[in-house]
């Protein structure tokens, strides 16, 4: 199955919305903190949560209904992998849940993700893409369009997003940091925004088997992953945007976190190695 031409034409004007790859790579332990719809345009994607795995190509969608941690593979076809990822803000999920709960009982718990034919979301996705391609979209209108996609999923029996649970403290911090990943964040910033004391923040994170230092690092590295997948920024610019002053430090922590070096994901040619000029040698004449 192929992707409709109107999707390809619309996204040509918004390359920042497209995840791209020229070679296959695998990412381990990727945290997805809010429901999202992924539409492969070219090539194939695999996703494995440990409990279930799925592989799909163009013409189908992958709906991630709830926050999850997974291993992801993006597999190009003839050197080209592209996918459109649509995130659903929590306020839109809450709107859909409130509306649907008034008219239909919630679904029985099932898998955290599902797939389906892209054609059943045609009208709703056209509306979303038109708003995104019209310049800076009116946020209220965009939320309404995203709500339409969720209602269409519900009409086709694909509504596990209604069971999406409240965000963990770590996920809430990651979403806050994602708006300003290069900022020098401190505990007081999150205590104020999350309305909890420093001791409570540390205890809640400990209950989630993590710490503020780890969550901040993960948030910055996930932002770097998004930049590598959707832009053509050189590695030093990506590292700087994530708050790293050292490219080797960013690359080392990225590889340790996701199991693959950032150079494997970037669509740019590798940056040249900067070599120090050789020291000049003076020769005395006798």
C-alpha atoms as a PDB file:
ATOM      1  CA  UNK A   1       0.000   0.000   0.000  1.00  0.00           C
ATOM      2  CA  UNK A   2       1.228   3.511  -0.779  1.00  0.00           C
ATOM      3  CA  UNK A   3       0.853   6.811   1.023  1.00  0.00           C
ATOM      4  CA  UNK A   4      -1.621   9.250  -0.596  1.00  0.00           C
ATOM      5  CA  UNK A   5       0.040  11.896  -2.745  1.00  0.00           C
ATOM      6  CA  UNK A   6      -1.519  14.725  -0.719  1.00  0.00           C
ATOM      7  CA  UNK A   7       0.424  13.637   2.373  1.00  0.00           C
ATOM      8  CA  UNK A   8       3.733  13.597   0.489  1.00  0.00           C
ATOM      9  CA  UNK A   9       2.984  16.967  -1.142  1.00  0.00           C
ATOM     10  CA  UNK A  10       1.919  18.591   2.121  1.00  0.00           C
ATOM     11  CA  UNK A  11       4.892  17.334   4.111  1.00  0.00           C
ATOM     12  CA  UNK A  12       7.297  18.495   1.392  1.00  0.00           C
ATOM     13  CA  UNK A  13       6.625  21.987   2.757  1.00  0.00           C
ATOM     14  CA  UNK A  14       7.174  20.867   6.377  1.00  0.00           C
ATOM     15  CA  UNK A  15      10.302  18.665   6.465  1.00  0.00           C
ATOM     16  CA  UNK A  16      10.572  19.439  10.193  1.00  0.00           C
ATOM     17  CA  UNK A  17       7.580  17.146  10.751  1.00  0.00           C
ATOM     18  CA  UNK A  18       9.253  14.175   9.050  1.00  0.00           C
ATOM     19  CA  UNK A  19      11.574  11.616  10.650  1.00  0.00           C
ATOM     20  CA  UNK A  20      14.177  10.742   7.992  1.00  0.00           C
ATOM     21  CA  UNK A  21      16.976   8.188   7.700  1.00  0.00           C
ATOM     22  CA  UNK A  22      19.361   7.106   4.966  1.00  0.00           C
ATOM     23  CA  UNK A  23      20.508   3.916   6.662  1.00  0.00           C
ATOM     24  CA  UNK A  24      18.947   1.457   9.065  1.00  0.00           C
ATOM     25  CA  UNK A  25      19.459   1.898  12.779  1.00  0.00           C
ATOM     26  CA  UNK A  26      18.031   0.605  16.037  1.00  0.00           C
ATOM     27  CA  UNK A  27      17.303   2.645  19.171  1.00  0.00           C
ATOM     28  CA  UNK A  28      16.852   0.954  22.525  1.00  0.00           C
ATOM     29  CA  UNK A  29      14.841   2.162  25.519  1.00  0.00           C
ATOM     30  CA  UNK A  30      13.176   5.100  23.763  1.00  0.00           C
ATOM     31  CA  UNK A  31      10.708   6.846  26.083  1.00  0.00           C
ATOM     32  CA  UNK A  32       7.484   8.002  24.430  1.00  0.00           C
ATOM     33  CA  UNK A  33       5.701  10.197  26.959  1.00  0.00           C
ATOM     34  CA  UNK A  34       2.424  10.982  25.217  1.00  0.00           C
ATOM     35  CA  UNK A  35       0.102   9.258  22.735  1.00  0.00           C
ATOM     36  CA  UNK A  36       1.258   9.579  19.138  1.00  0.00           C
ATOM     37  CA  UNK A  37       0.339   8.484  15.618  1.00  0.00           C
ATOM     38  CA  UNK A  38       3.216   7.382  13.374  1.00  0.00           C
ATOM     39  CA  UNK A  39       2.741   7.123   9.607  1.00  0.00           C
ATOM     40  CA  UNK A  40       5.610   5.562   7.608  1.00  0.00           C
ATOM     41  CA  UNK A  41       5.932   7.308   4.239  1.00  0.00           C
ATOM     42  CA  UNK A  42       8.787   5.237   2.837  1.00  0.00           C
ATOM     43  CA  UNK A  43      10.607   2.245   4.295  1.00  0.00           C
ATOM     44  CA  UNK A  44       9.574   0.240   7.342  1.00  0.00           C
ATOM     45  CA  UNK A  45       9.380   0.733  11.107  1.00  0.00           C
ATOM     46  CA  UNK A  46       9.518  -1.848  13.858  1.00  0.00           C
ATOM     47  CA  UNK A  47       8.592  -1.241  17.485  1.00  0.00           C
ATOM     48  CA  UNK A  48       9.125  -3.668  20.354  1.00  0.00           C
ATOM     49  CA  UNK A  49       7.911  -3.036  23.909  1.00  0.00           C
ATOM     50  CA  UNK A  50       9.194  -6.355  25.193  1.00  0.00           C
ATOM     51  CA  UNK A  51       5.625  -7.590  25.596  1.00  0.00           C
ATOM     52  CA  UNK A  52       4.666  -7.146  21.935  1.00  0.00           C
ATOM     53  CA  UNK A  53       6.331  -6.205  18.653  1.00  0.00           C
ATOM     54  CA  UNK A  54       5.004  -4.778  15.406  1.00  0.00           C
ATOM     55  CA  UNK A  55       6.414  -3.993  11.961  1.00  0.00           C
ATOM     56  CA  UNK A  56       4.700  -1.866   9.352  1.00  0.00           C
ATOM     57  CA  UNK A  57       5.331   0.011   6.129  1.00  0.00           C
ATOM     58  CA  UNK A  58       3.660   2.746   4.115  1.00  0.00           C
ATOM     59  CA  UNK A  59      -0.116   2.830   3.838  1.00  0.00           C
ATOM     60  CA  UNK A  60      -0.672   1.952   7.500  1.00  0.00           C
ATOM     61  CA  UNK A  61      -0.487   3.816  10.784  1.00  0.00           C
ATOM     62  CA  UNK A  62       0.933   2.941  14.165  1.00  0.00           C
ATOM     63  CA  UNK A  63      -0.982   4.408  17.121  1.00  0.00           C
ATOM     64  CA  UNK A  64       0.843   4.592  20.448  1.00  0.00           C
ATOM     65  CA  UNK A  65      -2.017   4.861  22.926  1.00  0.00           C
ATOM     66  CA  UNK A  66      -0.143   5.241  26.191  1.00  0.00           C
ATOM     67  CA  UNK A  67       3.314   6.272  27.409  1.00  0.00           C
ATOM     68  CA  UNK A  68       5.802   3.457  26.902  1.00  0.00           C
ATOM     69  CA  UNK A  69       9.453   2.542  26.612  1.00  0.00           C
ATOM     70  CA  UNK A  70      10.390   0.607  23.485  1.00  0.00           C
ATOM     71  CA  UNK A  71      13.063  -0.450  21.040  1.00  0.00           C
ATOM     72  CA  UNK A  72      12.611   1.161  17.618  1.00  0.00           C
ATOM     73  CA  UNK A  73      14.082   0.299  14.231  1.00  0.00           C
ATOM     74  CA  UNK A  74      13.813   2.570  11.201  1.00  0.00           C
ATOM     75  CA  UNK A  75      14.583   0.643   8.021  1.00  0.00           C
ATOM     76  CA  UNK A  76      15.086   2.561   4.747  1.00  0.00           C
ATOM     77  CA  UNK A  77      14.065   1.218   1.368  1.00  0.00           C
ATOM     78  CA  UNK A  78      16.621   2.102  -1.319  1.00  0.00           C
ATOM     79  CA  UNK A  79      18.319   4.459   1.147  1.00  0.00           C
ATOM     80  CA  UNK A  80      15.153   6.325   2.103  1.00  0.00           C
ATOM     81  CA  UNK A  81      13.162   6.124   5.323  1.00  0.00           C
ATOM     82  CA  UNK A  82      10.602   8.799   6.153  1.00  0.00           C
ATOM     83  CA  UNK A  83       7.730   8.903   8.654  1.00  0.00           C
ATOM     84  CA  UNK A  84       5.262  11.507   9.897  1.00  0.00           C
ATOM     85  CA  UNK A  85       4.776  11.535  13.668  1.00  0.00           C
ATOM     86  CA  UNK A  86       1.779  13.324  15.201  1.00  0.00           C
ATOM     87  CA  UNK A  87       1.845  13.828  18.951  1.00  0.00           C
ATOM     88  CA  UNK A  88      -1.379  14.296  20.893  1.00  0.00           C
ATOM     89  CA  UNK A  89      -1.082  16.797  23.766  1.00  0.00           C
ATOM     90  CA  UNK A  90      -2.568  15.615  27.041  1.00  0.00           C
ATOM     91  CA  UNK A  91      -5.216  18.334  26.941  1.00  0.00           C
ATOM     92  CA  UNK A  92      -6.533  16.808  23.680  1.00  0.00           C
ATOM     93  CA  UNK A  93      -6.493  13.303  25.158  1.00  0.00           C
ATOM     94  CA  UNK A  94      -8.491  14.607  28.131  1.00  0.00           C
ATOM     95  CA  UNK A  95     -10.999  16.302  25.813  1.00  0.00           C
ATOM     96  CA  UNK A  96     -11.502  13.080  23.871  1.00  0.00           C
ATOM     97  CA  UNK A  97     -11.791  11.009  27.033  1.00  0.00           C
ATOM     98  CA  UNK A  98     -14.336  13.359  28.620  1.00  0.00           C
ATOM     99  CA  UNK A  99     -16.458  13.454  25.474  1.00  0.00           C
ATOM    100  CA  UNK A 100     -16.357   9.716  24.812  1.00  0.00           C
ATOM    101  CA  UNK A 101     -16.895   8.691  28.440  1.00  0.00           C
ATOM    102  CA  UNK A 102     -20.218  10.532  28.337  1.00  0.00           C
ATOM    103  CA  UNK A 103     -21.440   8.358  25.465  1.00  0.00           C
ATOM    104  CA  UNK A 104     -19.627   5.004  25.570  1.00  0.00           C
ATOM    105  CA  UNK A 105     -18.028   2.809  28.245  1.00  0.00           C
ATOM    106  CA  UNK A 106     -14.226   2.713  28.188  1.00  0.00           C
ATOM    107  CA  UNK A 107     -12.597  -0.165  26.312  1.00  0.00           C
ATOM    108  CA  UNK A 108     -11.177  -3.186  28.061  1.00  0.00           C
ATOM    109  CA  UNK A 109      -7.389  -2.905  28.533  1.00  0.00           C
ATOM    110  CA  UNK A 110      -5.408  -4.157  25.539  1.00  0.00           C
ATOM    111  CA  UNK A 111      -2.045  -3.478  23.905  1.00  0.00           C
ATOM    112  CA  UNK A 112      -0.345  -0.110  24.304  1.00  0.00           C
ATOM    113  CA  UNK A 113      -0.146   0.253  20.511  1.00  0.00           C
ATOM    114  CA  UNK A 114      -2.129  -0.734  17.424  1.00  0.00           C
ATOM    115  CA  UNK A 115      -2.011  -0.505  13.638  1.00  0.00           C
ATOM    116  CA  UNK A 116      -4.611   0.146  10.980  1.00  0.00           C
ATOM    117  CA  UNK A 117      -5.225   1.163   7.374  1.00  0.00           C
ATOM    118  CA  UNK A 118      -4.372   4.795   6.769  1.00  0.00           C
ATOM    119  CA  UNK A 119      -7.415   5.386   4.575  1.00  0.00           C
ATOM    120  CA  UNK A 120      -9.860   5.356   7.480  1.00  0.00           C
ATOM    121  CA  UNK A 121      -8.288   8.575   8.818  1.00  0.00           C
ATOM    122  CA  UNK A 122      -8.155  10.345   5.445  1.00  0.00           C
ATOM    123  CA  UNK A 123     -10.436  13.332   6.095  1.00  0.00           C
ATOM    124  CA  UNK A 124      -9.142  13.970   9.615  1.00  0.00           C
ATOM    125  CA  UNK A 125      -5.472  13.822   8.613  1.00  0.00           C
ATOM    126  CA  UNK A 126      -6.125  16.169   5.678  1.00  0.00           C
ATOM    127  CA  UNK A 127      -7.482  18.702   8.138  1.00  0.00           C
ATOM    128  CA  UNK A 128      -4.488  18.382  10.484  1.00  0.00           C
ATOM    129  CA  UNK A 129      -1.961  18.652   7.652  1.00  0.00           C
ATOM    130  CA  UNK A 130      -3.701  21.647   6.091  1.00  0.00           C
ATOM    131  CA  UNK A 131      -3.459  23.524   9.390  1.00  0.00           C
ATOM    132  CA  UNK A 132       0.195  22.582   9.880  1.00  0.00           C
ATOM    133  CA  UNK A 133       1.098  23.718   6.363  1.00  0.00           C
ATOM    134  CA  UNK A 134      -0.762  27.033   6.621  1.00  0.00           C
ATOM    135  CA  UNK A 135       1.967  28.729   8.621  1.00  0.00           C
ATOM    136  CA  UNK A 136       1.671  29.123  12.385  1.00  0.00           C
ATOM    137  CA  UNK A 137      -1.589  27.277  13.119  1.00  0.00           C
ATOM    138  CA  UNK A 138      -4.209  28.518  15.541  1.00  0.00           C
ATOM    139  CA  UNK A 139      -3.646  26.193  18.499  1.00  0.00           C
ATOM    140  CA  UNK A 140      -7.350  25.902  19.254  1.00  0.00           C
ATOM    141  CA  UNK A 141      -8.086  24.900  15.652  1.00  0.00           C
ATOM    142  CA  UNK A 142      -5.219  22.396  15.684  1.00  0.00           C
ATOM    143  CA  UNK A 143      -6.426  20.849  18.951  1.00  0.00           C
ATOM    144  CA  UNK A 144      -9.884  20.519  17.385  1.00  0.00           C
ATOM    145  CA  UNK A 145      -8.387  18.780  14.346  1.00  0.00           C
ATOM    146  CA  UNK A 146      -6.362  16.401  16.530  1.00  0.00           C
ATOM    147  CA  UNK A 147      -9.498  15.644  18.523  1.00  0.00           C
ATOM    148  CA  UNK A 148     -11.128  14.693  15.215  1.00  0.00           C
ATOM    149  CA  UNK A 149      -8.378  12.104  14.586  1.00  0.00           C
ATOM    150  CA  UNK A 150      -8.973  10.533  18.008  1.00  0.00           C
ATOM    151  CA  UNK A 151     -12.726  10.409  17.457  1.00  0.00           C
ATOM    152  CA  UNK A 152     -12.150   8.743  14.081  1.00  0.00           C
ATOM    153  CA  UNK A 153      -9.960   6.134  15.765  1.00  0.00           C
ATOM    154  CA  UNK A 154     -12.752   5.535  18.288  1.00  0.00           C
ATOM    155  CA  UNK A 155     -15.335   5.068  15.528  1.00  0.00           C
ATOM    156  CA  UNK A 156     -13.178   2.285  14.125  1.00  0.00           C
ATOM    157  CA  UNK A 157     -12.792   0.619  17.533  1.00  0.00           C
ATOM    158  CA  UNK A 158      -9.207   1.754  18.038  1.00  0.00           C
ATOM    159  CA  UNK A 159      -9.516   3.757  21.266  1.00  0.00           C
ATOM    160  CA  UNK A 160      -7.091   2.418  23.838  1.00  0.00           C
ATOM    161  CA  UNK A 161      -5.858   6.015  24.175  1.00  0.00           C
ATOM    162  CA  UNK A 162      -8.847   6.500  26.478  1.00  0.00           C
ATOM    163  CA  UNK A 163      -6.961   4.425  29.081  1.00  0.00           C
ATOM    164  CA  UNK A 164      -3.812   6.553  28.930  1.00  0.00           C
ATOM    165  CA  UNK A 165      -2.694   7.027  32.519  1.00  0.00           C
ATOM    166  CA  UNK A 166      -1.423  10.156  34.192  1.00  0.00           C
ATOM    167  CA  UNK A 167       2.177  11.050  33.458  1.00  0.00           C
ATOM    168  CA  UNK A 168       4.914   9.905  35.792  1.00  0.00           C
ATOM    169  CA  UNK A 169       6.943  12.635  37.479  1.00  0.00           C
ATOM    170  CA  UNK A 170       9.907  11.730  35.252  1.00  0.00           C
ATOM    171  CA  UNK A 171       7.778  12.079  32.117  1.00  0.00           C
ATOM    172  CA  UNK A 172       6.385  15.423  33.300  1.00  0.00           C
ATOM    173  CA  UNK A 173       9.930  16.688  33.826  1.00  0.00           C
ATOM    174  CA  UNK A 174      11.012  15.445  30.389  1.00  0.00           C
ATOM    175  CA  UNK A 175       8.143  17.339  28.750  1.00  0.00           C
ATOM    176  CA  UNK A 176       9.057  20.521  30.644  1.00  0.00           C
ATOM    177  CA  UNK A 177      12.730  20.235  29.681  1.00  0.00           C
ATOM    178  CA  UNK A 178      11.893  19.502  26.029  1.00  0.00           C
ATOM    179  CA  UNK A 179      10.721  23.127  25.625  1.00  0.00           C
ATOM    180  CA  UNK A 180      14.166  24.456  26.658  1.00  0.00           C
ATOM    181  CA  UNK A 181      16.670  21.583  26.608  1.00  0.00           C
ATOM    182  CA  UNK A 182      19.704  23.888  26.602  1.00  0.00           C
ATOM    183  CA  UNK A 183      18.673  25.667  29.795  1.00  0.00           C
ATOM    184  CA  UNK A 184      20.626  25.175  33.018  1.00  0.00           C
ATOM    185  CA  UNK A 185      17.786  23.499  34.934  1.00  0.00           C
ATOM    186  CA  UNK A 186      17.835  22.984  38.692  1.00  0.00           C
ATOM    187  CA  UNK A 187      15.614  21.195  41.190  1.00  0.00           C
ATOM    188  CA  UNK A 188      13.906  24.448  42.247  1.00  0.00           C
ATOM    189  CA  UNK A 189      12.555  24.908  38.716  1.00  0.00           C
ATOM    190  CA  UNK A 190      10.627  21.635  38.890  1.00  0.00           C
ATOM    191  CA  UNK A 191       9.604  22.044  42.508  1.00  0.00           C
ATOM    192  CA  UNK A 192       7.856  25.272  41.493  1.00  0.00           C
ATOM    193  CA  UNK A 193       6.251  23.917  38.333  1.00  0.00           C
ATOM    194  CA  UNK A 194       5.167  20.601  39.834  1.00  0.00           C
ATOM    195  CA  UNK A 195       4.083  22.163  43.127  1.00  0.00           C
ATOM    196  CA  UNK A 196       6.080  19.846  45.357  1.00  0.00           C
ATOM    197  CA  UNK A 197       8.961  20.190  47.768  1.00  0.00           C
ATOM    198  CA  UNK A 198      12.482  19.108  46.937  1.00  0.00           C
ATOM    199  CA  UNK A 199      12.191  16.144  49.288  1.00  0.00           C
ATOM    200  CA  UNK A 200       8.915  15.051  47.686  1.00  0.00           C
ATOM    201  CA  UNK A 201      10.393  15.419  44.202  1.00  0.00           C
ATOM    202  CA  UNK A 202      13.381  13.263  45.111  1.00  0.00           C
ATOM    203  CA  UNK A 203      11.157  10.657  46.772  1.00  0.00           C
ATOM    204  CA  UNK A 204       8.773  10.467  43.808  1.00  0.00           C
ATOM    205  CA  UNK A 205      11.655  10.038  41.387  1.00  0.00           C
ATOM    206  CA  UNK A 206      13.210   7.396  43.639  1.00  0.00           C
ATOM    207  CA  UNK A 207       9.874   5.541  43.613  1.00  0.00           C
ATOM    208  CA  UNK A 208      10.148   5.573  39.807  1.00  0.00           C
ATOM    209  CA  UNK A 209      13.709   4.189  40.109  1.00  0.00           C
ATOM    210  CA  UNK A 210      15.377   7.279  38.689  1.00  0.00           C
ATOM    211  CA  UNK A 211      16.831  10.644  39.730  1.00  0.00           C
ATOM    212  CA  UNK A 212      16.669  14.242  38.541  1.00  0.00           C
ATOM    213  CA  UNK A 213      20.149  14.004  37.034  1.00  0.00           C
ATOM    214  CA  UNK A 214      19.177  10.966  34.957  1.00  0.00           C
ATOM    215  CA  UNK A 215      15.847  12.480  33.877  1.00  0.00           C
ATOM    216  CA  UNK A 216      17.529  15.722  32.759  1.00  0.00           C
ATOM    217  CA  UNK A 217      20.132  13.778  30.797  1.00  0.00           C
ATOM    218  CA  UNK A 218      17.461  11.615  29.157  1.00  0.00           C
ATOM    219  CA  UNK A 219      15.344  14.646  28.244  1.00  0.00           C
ATOM    220  CA  UNK A 220      18.283  16.337  26.531  1.00  0.00           C
ATOM    221  CA  UNK A 221      19.288  13.168  24.704  1.00  0.00           C
ATOM    222  CA  UNK A 222      15.715  12.559  23.503  1.00  0.00           C
ATOM    223  CA  UNK A 223      15.656  16.133  22.187  1.00  0.00           C
ATOM    224  CA  UNK A 224      18.919  15.430  20.382  1.00  0.00           C
ATOM    225  CA  UNK A 225      17.390  12.300  18.883  1.00  0.00           C
ATOM    226  CA  UNK A 226      14.455  14.321  17.551  1.00  0.00           C
ATOM    227  CA  UNK A 227      16.785  16.917  15.995  1.00  0.00           C
ATOM    228  CA  UNK A 228      18.916  14.241  14.357  1.00  0.00           C
ATOM    229  CA  UNK A 229      15.822  12.567  12.899  1.00  0.00           C
ATOM    230  CA  UNK A 230      13.992  15.670  11.643  1.00  0.00           C
ATOM    231  CA  UNK A 231      16.655  18.249  10.778  1.00  0.00           C
ATOM    232  CA  UNK A 232      19.946  18.440   8.914  1.00  0.00           C
ATOM    233  CA  UNK A 233      21.796  20.207  11.713  1.00  0.00           C
ATOM    234  CA  UNK A 234      25.446  19.185  12.108  1.00  0.00           C
ATOM    235  CA  UNK A 235      26.333  17.215  15.185  1.00  0.00           C
ATOM    236  CA  UNK A 236      27.983  20.115  17.002  1.00  0.00           C
ATOM    237  CA  UNK A 237      24.799  22.210  16.584  1.00  0.00           C
ATOM    238  CA  UNK A 238      22.625  19.368  17.897  1.00  0.00           C
ATOM    239  CA  UNK A 239      24.888  18.916  20.919  1.00  0.00           C
ATOM    240  CA  UNK A 240      24.799  22.656  21.662  1.00  0.00           C
ATOM    241  CA  UNK A 241      20.981  22.777  21.343  1.00  0.00           C
ATOM    242  CA  UNK A 242      20.795  20.044  23.981  1.00  0.00           C
ATOM    243  CA  UNK A 243      22.999  21.933  26.426  1.00  0.00           C
ATOM    244  CA  UNK A 244      26.232  20.040  25.733  1.00  0.00           C
ATOM    245  CA  UNK A 245      29.465  21.998  25.319  1.00  0.00           C
ATOM    246  CA  UNK A 246      31.384  18.944  24.160  1.00  0.00           C
ATOM    247  CA  UNK A 247      30.450  16.945  21.068  1.00  0.00           C
ATOM    248  CA  UNK A 248      32.370  13.834  22.263  1.00  0.00           C
ATOM    249  CA  UNK A 249      30.495  13.958  25.585  1.00  0.00           C
ATOM    250  CA  UNK A 250      27.136  14.220  23.791  1.00  0.00           C
ATOM    251  CA  UNK A 251      28.036  11.409  21.368  1.00  0.00           C
ATOM    252  CA  UNK A 252      29.272   9.162  24.169  1.00  0.00           C
ATOM    253  CA  UNK A 253      26.168   9.653  26.332  1.00  0.00           C
ATOM    254  CA  UNK A 254      23.849   9.321  23.317  1.00  0.00           C
ATOM    255  CA  UNK A 255      25.420   5.985  22.313  1.00  0.00           C
ATOM    256  CA  UNK A 256      25.272   4.714  25.904  1.00  0.00           C
ATOM    257  CA  UNK A 257      21.598   5.707  26.204  1.00  0.00           C
ATOM    258  CA  UNK A 258      20.202   4.486  22.873  1.00  0.00           C
ATOM    259  CA  UNK A 259      22.719   1.841  21.839  1.00  0.00           C
ATOM    260  CA  UNK A 260      23.761   3.551  18.612  1.00  0.00           C
ATOM    261  CA  UNK A 261      26.018   6.551  17.895  1.00  0.00           C
ATOM    262  CA  UNK A 262      24.378   9.809  16.760  1.00  0.00           C
ATOM    263  CA  UNK A 263      26.397   9.698  13.550  1.00  0.00           C
ATOM    264  CA  UNK A 264      24.366   6.627  12.525  1.00  0.00           C
ATOM    265  CA  UNK A 265      21.164   8.670  12.633  1.00  0.00           C
ATOM    266  CA  UNK A 266      22.252  11.994  11.172  1.00  0.00           C
ATOM    267  CA  UNK A 267      21.386  12.518   7.493  1.00  0.00           C
ATOM    268  CA  UNK A 268      24.509  14.650   7.047  1.00  0.00           C
ATOM    269  CA  UNK A 269      27.915  13.386   6.049  1.00  0.00           C
ATOM    270  CA  UNK A 270      30.252  12.847   9.022  1.00  0.00           C
ATOM    271  CA  UNK A 271      31.911  16.017  10.225  1.00  0.00           C
ATOM    272  CA  UNK A 272      35.638  16.251   9.473  1.00  0.00           C
ATOM    273  CA  UNK A 273      37.945  15.571  12.378  1.00  0.00           C
ATOM    274  CA  UNK A 274      39.659  18.767  13.490  1.00  0.00           C
ATOM    275  CA  UNK A 275      43.379  18.134  13.832  1.00  0.00           C
ATOM    276  CA  UNK A 276      45.800  20.336  15.618  1.00  0.00           C
ATOM    277  CA  UNK A 277      48.386  21.883  13.322  1.00  0.00           C
ATOM    278  CA  UNK A 278      51.737  20.201  13.568  1.00  0.00           C
ATOM    279  CA  UNK A 279      54.214  22.092  15.741  1.00  0.00           C
ATOM    280  CA  UNK A 280      56.836  23.913  13.698  1.00  0.00           C
ATOM    281  CA  UNK A 281      60.402  22.776  14.199  1.00  0.00           C
ATOM    282  CA  UNK A 282      63.201  25.258  13.977  1.00  0.00           C
ATOM    283  CA  UNK A 283      66.529  24.071  12.580  1.00  0.00           C
ATOM    284  CA  UNK A 284      69.649  25.937  13.685  1.00  0.00           C
ATOM    285  CA  UNK A 285      72.441  26.403  11.236  1.00  0.00           C
ATOM    286  CA  UNK A 286      75.999  25.992  12.342  1.00  0.00           C
END
